Amino acid sequence: MDGDFLFIGAPMDDLVPGSDPVPSQRFDAGSVYVFRFDDNNNPVLEAKLIASDSSASARFGSSVSVKDGLLVAAEDPATLLRS
């Protein structure tokens, strides 16, 4: 959480054409959801972030960190070792 914003990693999130800007379905590609709390302290979805190079089983959002307005999100390190 950073100020009025909450960042939630969803590493098992599937990306689906029509809902997400991808040409084909990608299972477990992952995403990060950005919520802002309104004046009544209710969470409001502001954005769904996906990796620019999203791929199936990448599990983007496995690691999420934020400090001073800077968000860093990464995929599952195990997926980086695949050939």
N, C-alpha and C. Protein backbone atom coordinates (compact mmCIF):
# COMPACT_ATOMS: atom_id res chain seq x y z
N MET A 1 0.85 -1.17 0.00
CA MET A 1 0.00 0.00 0.00
C MET A 1 0.89 1.23 0.00
N ASP A 2 0.46 2.25 -0.73
CA ASP A 2 1.20 3.49 -0.80
C ASP A 2 0.19 4.63 -0.85
N GLY A 3 0.07 5.39 0.23
CA GLY A 3 -0.93 6.45 0.28
C GLY A 3 -2.33 5.88 0.17
N ASP A 4 -3.09 6.36 -0.79
CA ASP A 4 -4.46 5.89 -1.01
C ASP A 4 -4.52 4.70 -1.98
N PHE A 5 -3.37 4.15 -2.35
CA PHE A 5 -3.34 3.09 -3.36
C PHE A 5 -2.92 1.75 -2.77
N LEU A 6 -3.55 0.71 -3.28
CA LEU A 6 -3.26 -0.67 -2.88
C LEU A 6 -2.92 -1.44 -4.15
N PHE A 7 -1.85 -2.21 -4.12
CA PHE A 7 -1.39 -2.98 -5.27
C PHE A 7 -1.45 -4.46 -4.90
N ILE A 8 -2.15 -5.24 -5.70
CA ILE A 8 -2.33 -6.66 -5.40
C ILE A 8 -1.84 -7.49 -6.58
N GLY A 9 -0.86 -8.34 -6.34
CA GLY A 9 -0.36 -9.25 -7.36
C GLY A 9 -1.30 -10.42 -7.52
N ALA A 10 -1.55 -10.79 -8.76
CA ALA A 10 -2.42 -11.94 -9.09
C ALA A 10 -1.66 -12.83 -10.07
N PRO A 11 -0.64 -13.56 -9.58
CA PRO A 11 0.23 -14.32 -10.48
C PRO A 11 -0.45 -15.44 -11.26
N MET A 12 -1.59 -15.92 -10.82
CA MET A 12 -2.28 -17.00 -11.53
C MET A 12 -3.37 -16.47 -12.46
N ASP A 13 -3.43 -15.14 -12.63
CA ASP A 13 -4.45 -14.53 -13.46
C ASP A 13 -4.25 -14.94 -14.93
N ASP A 14 -5.34 -15.32 -15.58
CA ASP A 14 -5.30 -15.67 -17.00
C ASP A 14 -5.61 -14.42 -17.82
N LEU A 15 -4.89 -14.24 -18.91
CA LEU A 15 -5.17 -13.12 -19.81
C LEU A 15 -6.01 -13.64 -20.97
N VAL A 16 -7.07 -12.90 -21.29
CA VAL A 16 -8.04 -13.35 -22.28
C VAL A 16 -8.25 -12.26 -23.33
N PRO A 17 -8.15 -12.61 -24.62
CA PRO A 17 -8.42 -11.61 -25.66
C PRO A 17 -9.83 -11.03 -25.49
N GLY A 18 -9.96 -9.76 -25.77
CA GLY A 18 -11.25 -9.10 -25.59
C GLY A 18 -11.34 -8.41 -24.24
N SER A 19 -10.77 -9.03 -23.21
CA SER A 19 -10.73 -8.42 -21.88
C SER A 19 -9.37 -7.78 -21.62
N ASP A 20 -8.34 -8.37 -22.19
CA ASP A 20 -6.97 -7.91 -22.00
C ASP A 20 -6.34 -7.67 -23.38
N PRO A 21 -5.34 -6.78 -23.45
CA PRO A 21 -4.72 -6.49 -24.75
C PRO A 21 -3.71 -7.56 -25.17
N VAL A 22 -4.19 -8.76 -25.40
CA VAL A 22 -3.35 -9.88 -25.85
C VAL A 22 -4.02 -10.56 -27.04
N PRO A 23 -3.22 -11.11 -27.96
CA PRO A 23 -3.80 -11.75 -29.15
C PRO A 23 -4.35 -13.15 -28.91
N SER A 24 -3.87 -13.82 -27.86
CA SER A 24 -4.33 -15.18 -27.57
C SER A 24 -4.38 -15.39 -26.07
N GLN A 25 -5.16 -16.39 -25.65
CA GLN A 25 -5.31 -16.67 -24.22
C GLN A 25 -3.97 -17.10 -23.63
N ARG A 26 -3.68 -16.62 -22.44
CA ARG A 26 -2.42 -16.94 -21.76
C ARG A 26 -2.73 -17.31 -20.31
N PHE A 27 -2.69 -18.61 -20.03
CA PHE A 27 -2.99 -19.10 -18.69
C PHE A 27 -1.85 -18.77 -17.74
N ASP A 28 -2.20 -18.34 -16.55
CA ASP A 28 -1.24 -18.03 -15.48
C ASP A 28 -0.19 -16.99 -15.89
N ALA A 29 -0.56 -16.09 -16.79
CA ALA A 29 0.38 -15.03 -17.20
C ALA A 29 0.59 -14.04 -16.05
N GLY A 30 -0.46 -13.79 -15.28
CA GLY A 30 -0.37 -12.93 -14.11
C GLY A 30 -0.64 -11.46 -14.40
N SER A 31 -0.95 -10.74 -13.34
CA SER A 31 -1.21 -9.30 -13.44
C SER A 31 -1.09 -8.67 -12.07
N VAL A 32 -1.16 -7.36 -12.05
CA VAL A 32 -1.18 -6.59 -10.79
C VAL A 32 -2.39 -5.67 -10.86
N TYR A 33 -3.23 -5.72 -9.84
CA TYR A 33 -4.40 -4.85 -9.75
C TYR A 33 -4.08 -3.65 -8.88
N VAL A 34 -4.49 -2.47 -9.36
CA VAL A 34 -4.25 -1.21 -8.65
C VAL A 34 -5.60 -0.67 -8.19
N PHE A 35 -5.74 -0.52 -6.88
CA PHE A 35 -6.95 0.03 -6.29
C PHE A 35 -6.63 1.35 -5.62
N ARG A 36 -7.59 2.26 -5.66
CA ARG A 36 -7.51 3.54 -4.95
C ARG A 36 -8.67 3.58 -3.98
N PHE A 37 -8.42 4.06 -2.78
CA PHE A 37 -9.49 4.20 -1.81
C PHE A 37 -10.16 5.56 -1.98
N ASP A 38 -11.49 5.55 -2.13
CA ASP A 38 -12.23 6.80 -2.32
C ASP A 38 -12.44 7.50 -0.98
N ASP A 39 -13.19 8.58 -0.99
CA ASP A 39 -13.41 9.39 0.22
C ASP A 39 -14.13 8.61 1.32
N ASN A 40 -14.87 7.56 0.95
CA ASN A 40 -15.57 6.73 1.94
C ASN A 40 -14.76 5.50 2.31
N ASN A 41 -13.49 5.48 1.90
CA ASN A 41 -12.57 4.38 2.18
C ASN A 41 -12.96 3.07 1.48
N ASN A 42 -13.67 3.19 0.35
CA ASN A 42 -14.02 2.01 -0.45
C ASN A 42 -12.97 1.83 -1.54
N PRO A 43 -12.53 0.60 -1.79
CA PRO A 43 -11.55 0.38 -2.86
C PRO A 43 -12.20 0.50 -4.24
N VAL A 44 -11.53 1.22 -5.13
CA VAL A 44 -12.00 1.40 -6.49
C VAL A 44 -10.89 0.91 -7.43
N LEU A 45 -11.23 -0.02 -8.33
CA LEU A 45 -10.23 -0.54 -9.26
C LEU A 45 -9.83 0.57 -10.22
N GLU A 46 -8.55 0.89 -10.24
CA GLU A 46 -8.01 1.94 -11.12
C GLU A 46 -7.37 1.35 -12.37
N ALA A 47 -6.69 0.19 -12.23
CA ALA A 47 -5.97 -0.37 -13.37
C ALA A 47 -5.66 -1.85 -13.13
N LYS A 48 -5.50 -2.54 -14.24
CA LYS A 48 -4.98 -3.91 -14.23
C LYS A 48 -3.70 -3.85 -15.06
N LEU A 49 -2.57 -4.13 -14.42
CA LEU A 49 -1.29 -4.07 -15.11
C LEU A 49 -0.87 -5.47 -15.55
N ILE A 50 -0.37 -5.57 -16.78
CA ILE A 50 0.17 -6.84 -17.27
C ILE A 50 1.56 -6.56 -17.82
N ALA A 51 2.37 -7.60 -17.90
CA ALA A 51 3.72 -7.45 -18.45
C ALA A 51 3.62 -7.17 -19.95
N SER A 52 4.49 -6.31 -20.44
CA SER A 52 4.48 -5.98 -21.87
C SER A 52 4.85 -7.19 -22.72
N ASP A 53 5.57 -8.14 -22.14
CA ASP A 53 5.95 -9.36 -22.85
C ASP A 53 5.30 -10.58 -22.20
N SER A 54 4.05 -10.42 -21.81
CA SER A 54 3.35 -11.49 -21.08
C SER A 54 3.36 -12.80 -21.85
N SER A 55 3.52 -13.87 -21.09
CA SER A 55 3.48 -15.20 -21.68
C SER A 55 2.79 -16.14 -20.70
N ALA A 56 2.30 -17.25 -21.22
CA ALA A 56 1.63 -18.24 -20.37
C ALA A 56 2.60 -18.73 -19.30
N SER A 57 2.09 -18.92 -18.10
CA SER A 57 2.83 -19.44 -16.95
C SER A 57 3.95 -18.53 -16.45
N ALA A 58 3.99 -17.27 -16.88
CA ALA A 58 5.03 -16.35 -16.40
C ALA A 58 4.79 -15.95 -14.95
N ARG A 59 3.52 -15.88 -14.57
CA ARG A 59 3.12 -15.53 -13.19
C ARG A 59 3.60 -14.14 -12.77
N PHE A 60 3.41 -13.18 -13.69
CA PHE A 60 3.69 -11.78 -13.37
C PHE A 60 2.85 -11.38 -12.16
N GLY A 61 3.44 -10.63 -11.25
CA GLY A 61 2.75 -10.24 -10.04
C GLY A 61 3.09 -11.12 -8.85
N SER A 62 3.98 -12.10 -9.07
CA SER A 62 4.42 -12.95 -7.96
C SER A 62 5.11 -12.13 -6.88
N SER A 63 5.84 -11.11 -7.31
CA SER A 63 6.50 -10.19 -6.40
C SER A 63 6.02 -8.78 -6.70
N VAL A 64 5.57 -8.09 -5.66
CA VAL A 64 5.10 -6.71 -5.81
C VAL A 64 5.64 -5.90 -4.64
N SER A 65 6.24 -4.77 -4.96
CA SER A 65 6.76 -3.88 -3.92
C SER A 65 6.52 -2.44 -4.35
N VAL A 66 6.21 -1.60 -3.39
CA VAL A 66 6.00 -0.18 -3.69
C VAL A 66 6.59 0.66 -2.57
N LYS A 67 7.24 1.75 -2.98
CA LYS A 67 7.79 2.68 -2.00
C LYS A 67 7.89 4.05 -2.65
N ASP A 68 7.38 5.05 -1.96
CA ASP A 68 7.44 6.44 -2.43
C ASP A 68 6.89 6.59 -3.85
N GLY A 69 5.79 5.88 -4.13
CA GLY A 69 5.13 6.02 -5.42
C GLY A 69 5.74 5.20 -6.55
N LEU A 70 6.79 4.44 -6.28
CA LEU A 70 7.41 3.60 -7.30
C LEU A 70 6.99 2.15 -7.09
N LEU A 71 6.37 1.57 -8.11
CA LEU A 71 5.91 0.19 -8.06
C LEU A 71 6.88 -0.69 -8.85
N VAL A 72 7.28 -1.80 -8.23
CA VAL A 72 8.11 -2.80 -8.90
C VAL A 72 7.35 -4.11 -8.82
N ALA A 73 7.10 -4.73 -9.97
CA ALA A 73 6.42 -6.02 -10.00
C ALA A 73 7.23 -6.95 -10.89
N ALA A 74 7.26 -8.22 -10.52
CA ALA A 74 8.06 -9.19 -11.29
C ALA A 74 7.31 -10.50 -11.41
N GLU A 75 7.78 -11.31 -12.34
CA GLU A 75 7.21 -12.64 -12.51
C GLU A 75 7.91 -13.63 -11.60
N ASP A 76 7.42 -14.85 -11.57
CA ASP A 76 8.00 -15.92 -10.78
C ASP A 76 9.43 -16.18 -11.26
N PRO A 77 10.44 -16.08 -10.39
CA PRO A 77 11.83 -16.29 -10.84
C PRO A 77 12.05 -17.65 -11.49
N ALA A 78 11.28 -18.65 -11.11
CA ALA A 78 11.45 -19.98 -11.70
C ALA A 78 11.15 -19.98 -13.19
N THR A 79 10.28 -19.07 -13.63
CA THR A 79 9.93 -19.03 -15.05
C THR A 79 11.07 -18.45 -15.88
N LEU A 80 11.97 -17.72 -15.25
CA LEU A 80 13.09 -17.13 -15.97
C LEU A 80 14.14 -18.19 -16.34
N LEU A 81 14.12 -19.30 -15.64
CA LEU A 81 15.11 -20.35 -15.86
C LEU A 81 14.72 -21.33 -16.95
N ARG A 82 13.49 -21.22 -17.45
CA ARG A 82 13.03 -22.13 -18.50
C ARG A 82 13.73 -21.82 -19.80
N SER A 83 13.98 -22.84 -20.57
CA SER A 83 14.62 -22.64 -21.89
C SER A 83 13.58 -22.29 -22.92
